[in-house]
Amino acid sequence: MNPGAWLIFIAAALLEVGGDAVIRCGLRNRSAAWILIGGGTLALYGLVVNSVKWDFSRLLGVYVGFFAALSILFGRFVFREPVPAATWLGLALIILGGLIIQLSH
């Protein structure tokens, strides 16, 4: 995978996790504005992640590893949630699956 694709995946994962986090905050604070901003961010994520010209199944199969990693890091550092060892193990398996999908093509 070329470096540009990695940057696109990182940007897409940040947009997706960030959009979800903004919606979560909007729901907790009952703020329609934050929910709409989060929804717009998620729409932008969809545009960014699909800018990579791959088969859809391969694209999202590899991307899931980026999303999972950033989700766990957001939970840990943004929402201050503890991350159990089983979650880290699960993340390792997800990333391994993404690598298998990437290297099998």
C-alpha atoms as a PDB file:
ATOM      1  CA  MET A   1       0.000   0.000   0.000  1.00  0.00           C
ATOM      2  CA  ASN A   2       1.406   3.373  -0.940  1.00  0.00           C
ATOM      3  CA  PRO A   3       2.015   6.116   1.674  1.00  0.00           C
ATOM      4  CA  GLY A   4      -0.880   8.198   0.347  1.00  0.00           C
ATOM      5  CA  ALA A   5      -3.341   5.394   1.116  1.00  0.00           C
ATOM      6  CA  TRP A   6      -2.023   5.152   4.692  1.00  0.00           C
ATOM      7  CA  LEU A   7      -2.556   8.894   5.163  1.00  0.00           C
ATOM      8  CA  ILE A   8      -6.077   8.630   3.752  1.00  0.00           C
ATOM      9  CA  PHE A   9      -6.878   5.779   6.156  1.00  0.00           C
ATOM     10  CA  ILE A  10      -5.537   7.737   9.120  1.00  0.00           C
ATOM     11  CA  ALA A  11      -7.543  10.824   8.127  1.00  0.00           C
ATOM     12  CA  ALA A  12     -10.683   8.742   7.561  1.00  0.00           C
ATOM     13  CA  ALA A  13     -10.334   6.994  10.912  1.00  0.00           C
ATOM     14  CA  LEU A  14      -9.856  10.325  12.688  1.00  0.00           C
ATOM     15  CA  LEU A  15     -12.972  11.694  10.982  1.00  0.00           C
ATOM     16  CA  GLU A  16     -15.056   8.618  11.794  1.00  0.00           C
ATOM     17  CA  VAL A  17     -13.999   8.298  15.413  1.00  0.00           C
ATOM     18  CA  GLY A  18     -14.118  12.070  15.874  1.00  0.00           C
ATOM     19  CA  GLY A  19     -17.603  12.265  14.352  1.00  0.00           C
ATOM     20  CA  ASP A  20     -18.822   9.494  16.631  1.00  0.00           C
ATOM     21  CA  ALA A  21     -17.270  11.233  19.639  1.00  0.00           C
ATOM     22  CA  VAL A  22     -18.933  14.546  18.752  1.00  0.00           C
ATOM     23  CA  ILE A  23     -22.315  12.824  18.393  1.00  0.00           C
ATOM     24  CA  ARG A  24     -21.765  11.089  21.740  1.00  0.00           C
ATOM     25  CA  CYS A  25     -21.066  14.438  23.392  1.00  0.00           C
ATOM     26  CA  GLY A  26     -24.101  15.959  21.663  1.00  0.00           C
ATOM     27  CA  LEU A  27     -26.359  13.188  22.943  1.00  0.00           C
ATOM     28  CA  ARG A  28     -25.011  13.448  26.479  1.00  0.00           C
ATOM     29  CA  ASN A  29     -25.397  17.240  26.501  1.00  0.00           C
ATOM     30  CA  ARG A  30     -28.656  17.235  24.497  1.00  0.00           C
ATOM     31  CA  SER A  31     -27.139  19.480  21.840  1.00  0.00           C
ATOM     32  CA  ALA A  32     -28.632  19.168  18.360  1.00  0.00           C
ATOM     33  CA  ALA A  33     -25.851  21.365  16.965  1.00  0.00           C
ATOM     34  CA  TRP A  34     -23.136  18.942  18.100  1.00  0.00           C
ATOM     35  CA  ILE A  35     -25.102  15.984  16.753  1.00  0.00           C
ATOM     36  CA  LEU A  36     -25.388  17.684  13.349  1.00  0.00           C
ATOM     37  CA  ILE A  37     -21.683  18.563  13.332  1.00  0.00           C
ATOM     38  CA  GLY A  38     -20.876  14.938  14.145  1.00  0.00           C
ATOM     39  CA  GLY A  39     -23.146  13.765  11.323  1.00  0.00           C
ATOM     40  CA  GLY A  40     -21.400  16.086   8.884  1.00  0.00           C
ATOM     41  CA  THR A  41     -18.046  14.782  10.048  1.00  0.00           C
ATOM     42  CA  LEU A  42     -19.204  11.208   9.431  1.00  0.00           C
ATOM     43  CA  ALA A  43     -20.336  12.136   5.914  1.00  0.00           C
ATOM     44  CA  LEU A  44     -16.896  13.621   5.251  1.00  0.00           C
ATOM     45  CA  TYR A  45     -15.338  10.378   6.534  1.00  0.00           C
ATOM     46  CA  GLY A  46     -17.329   8.457   3.900  1.00  0.00           C
ATOM     47  CA  LEU A  47     -15.974  10.658   1.154  1.00  0.00           C
ATOM     48  CA  VAL A  48     -12.387  10.382   2.362  1.00  0.00           C
ATOM     49  CA  VAL A  49     -12.277   6.616   2.952  1.00  0.00           C
ATOM     50  CA  ASN A  50     -13.803   5.914  -0.461  1.00  0.00           C
ATOM     51  CA  SER A  51     -11.233   8.078  -2.260  1.00  0.00           C
ATOM     52  CA  VAL A  52      -8.891   5.060  -2.286  1.00  0.00           C
ATOM     53  CA  LYS A  53      -9.521   3.191  -5.548  1.00  0.00           C
ATOM     54  CA  TRP A  54      -9.711  -0.387  -4.186  1.00  0.00           C
ATOM     55  CA  ASP A  55     -12.360  -3.091  -4.154  1.00  0.00           C
ATOM     56  CA  PHE A  56     -14.889  -2.174  -1.476  1.00  0.00           C
ATOM     57  CA  SER A  57     -14.367  -5.346   0.598  1.00  0.00           C
ATOM     58  CA  ARG A  58     -10.584  -4.939   0.567  1.00  0.00           C
ATOM     59  CA  LEU A  59     -10.836  -1.240   1.331  1.00  0.00           C
ATOM     60  CA  LEU A  60     -13.029  -1.614   4.396  1.00  0.00           C
ATOM     61  CA  GLY A  61     -11.360  -4.843   5.498  1.00  0.00           C
ATOM     62  CA  VAL A  62      -8.040  -3.035   5.865  1.00  0.00           C
ATOM     63  CA  TYR A  63      -9.594   0.194   7.144  1.00  0.00           C
ATOM     64  CA  VAL A  64     -11.296  -1.576  10.060  1.00  0.00           C
ATOM     65  CA  GLY A  65      -7.888  -1.989  11.729  1.00  0.00           C
ATOM     66  CA  PHE A  66      -7.307   1.772  11.624  1.00  0.00           C
ATOM     67  CA  PHE A  67     -10.780   2.459  12.939  1.00  0.00           C
ATOM     68  CA  ALA A  68     -10.477  -0.077  15.774  1.00  0.00           C
ATOM     69  CA  ALA A  69      -7.104   1.279  16.908  1.00  0.00           C
ATOM     70  CA  LEU A  70      -8.261   4.899  16.942  1.00  0.00           C
ATOM     71  CA  SER A  71     -11.527   3.971  18.662  1.00  0.00           C
ATOM     72  CA  ILE A  72      -9.677   2.336  21.517  1.00  0.00           C
ATOM     73  CA  LEU A  73      -7.206   5.214  21.782  1.00  0.00           C
ATOM     74  CA  PHE A  74     -10.063   7.775  21.793  1.00  0.00           C
ATOM     75  CA  GLY A  75     -11.862   5.824  24.497  1.00  0.00           C
ATOM     76  CA  ARG A  76      -8.716   5.684  26.571  1.00  0.00           C
ATOM     77  CA  PHE A  77      -7.377   9.223  26.164  1.00  0.00           C
ATOM     78  CA  VAL A  78     -10.386  11.374  25.219  1.00  0.00           C
ATOM     79  CA  PHE A  79     -13.081   9.730  27.338  1.00  0.00           C
ATOM     80  CA  ARG A  80     -10.643   8.452  30.009  1.00  0.00           C
ATOM     81  CA  GLU A  81     -12.056   4.917  29.873  1.00  0.00           C
ATOM     82  CA  PRO A  82      -9.931   1.993  31.043  1.00  0.00           C
ATOM     83  CA  VAL A  83      -8.938  -0.495  28.340  1.00  0.00           C
ATOM     84  CA  PRO A  84      -8.763  -4.110  29.525  1.00  0.00           C
ATOM     85  CA  ALA A  85      -6.101  -6.514  28.273  1.00  0.00           C
ATOM     86  CA  ALA A  86      -8.736  -8.504  26.348  1.00  0.00           C
ATOM     87  CA  THR A  87      -9.520  -5.391  24.293  1.00  0.00           C
ATOM     88  CA  TRP A  88      -5.854  -4.954  23.361  1.00  0.00           C
ATOM     89  CA  LEU A  89      -5.719  -8.627  22.358  1.00  0.00           C
ATOM     90  CA  GLY A  90      -8.843  -8.207  20.245  1.00  0.00           C
ATOM     91  CA  LEU A  91      -7.298  -5.161  18.582  1.00  0.00           C
ATOM     92  CA  ALA A  92      -4.190  -7.178  17.736  1.00  0.00           C
ATOM     93  CA  LEU A  93      -6.385  -9.811  16.078  1.00  0.00           C
ATOM     94  CA  ILE A  94      -8.273  -7.175  14.089  1.00  0.00           C
ATOM     95  CA  ILE A  95      -5.011  -5.640  12.872  1.00  0.00           C
ATOM     96  CA  LEU A  96      -3.714  -9.100  11.959  1.00  0.00           C
ATOM     97  CA  GLY A  97      -6.891  -9.687   9.950  1.00  0.00           C
ATOM     98  CA  GLY A  98      -6.372  -6.372   8.133  1.00  0.00           C
ATOM     99  CA  LEU A  99      -2.814  -7.366   7.280  1.00  0.00           C
ATOM    100  CA  ILE A 100      -3.993 -10.700   5.912  1.00  0.00           C
ATOM    101  CA  ILE A 101      -6.554  -8.917   3.727  1.00  0.00           C
ATOM    102  CA  GLN A 102      -3.930  -6.432   2.515  1.00  0.00           C
ATOM    103  CA  LEU A 103      -1.192  -8.967   1.805  1.00  0.00           C
ATOM    104  CA  SER A 104      -3.492 -11.489   0.124  1.00  0.00           C
ATOM    105  CA  HIS A 105      -4.051  -9.231  -2.924  1.00  0.00           C
END
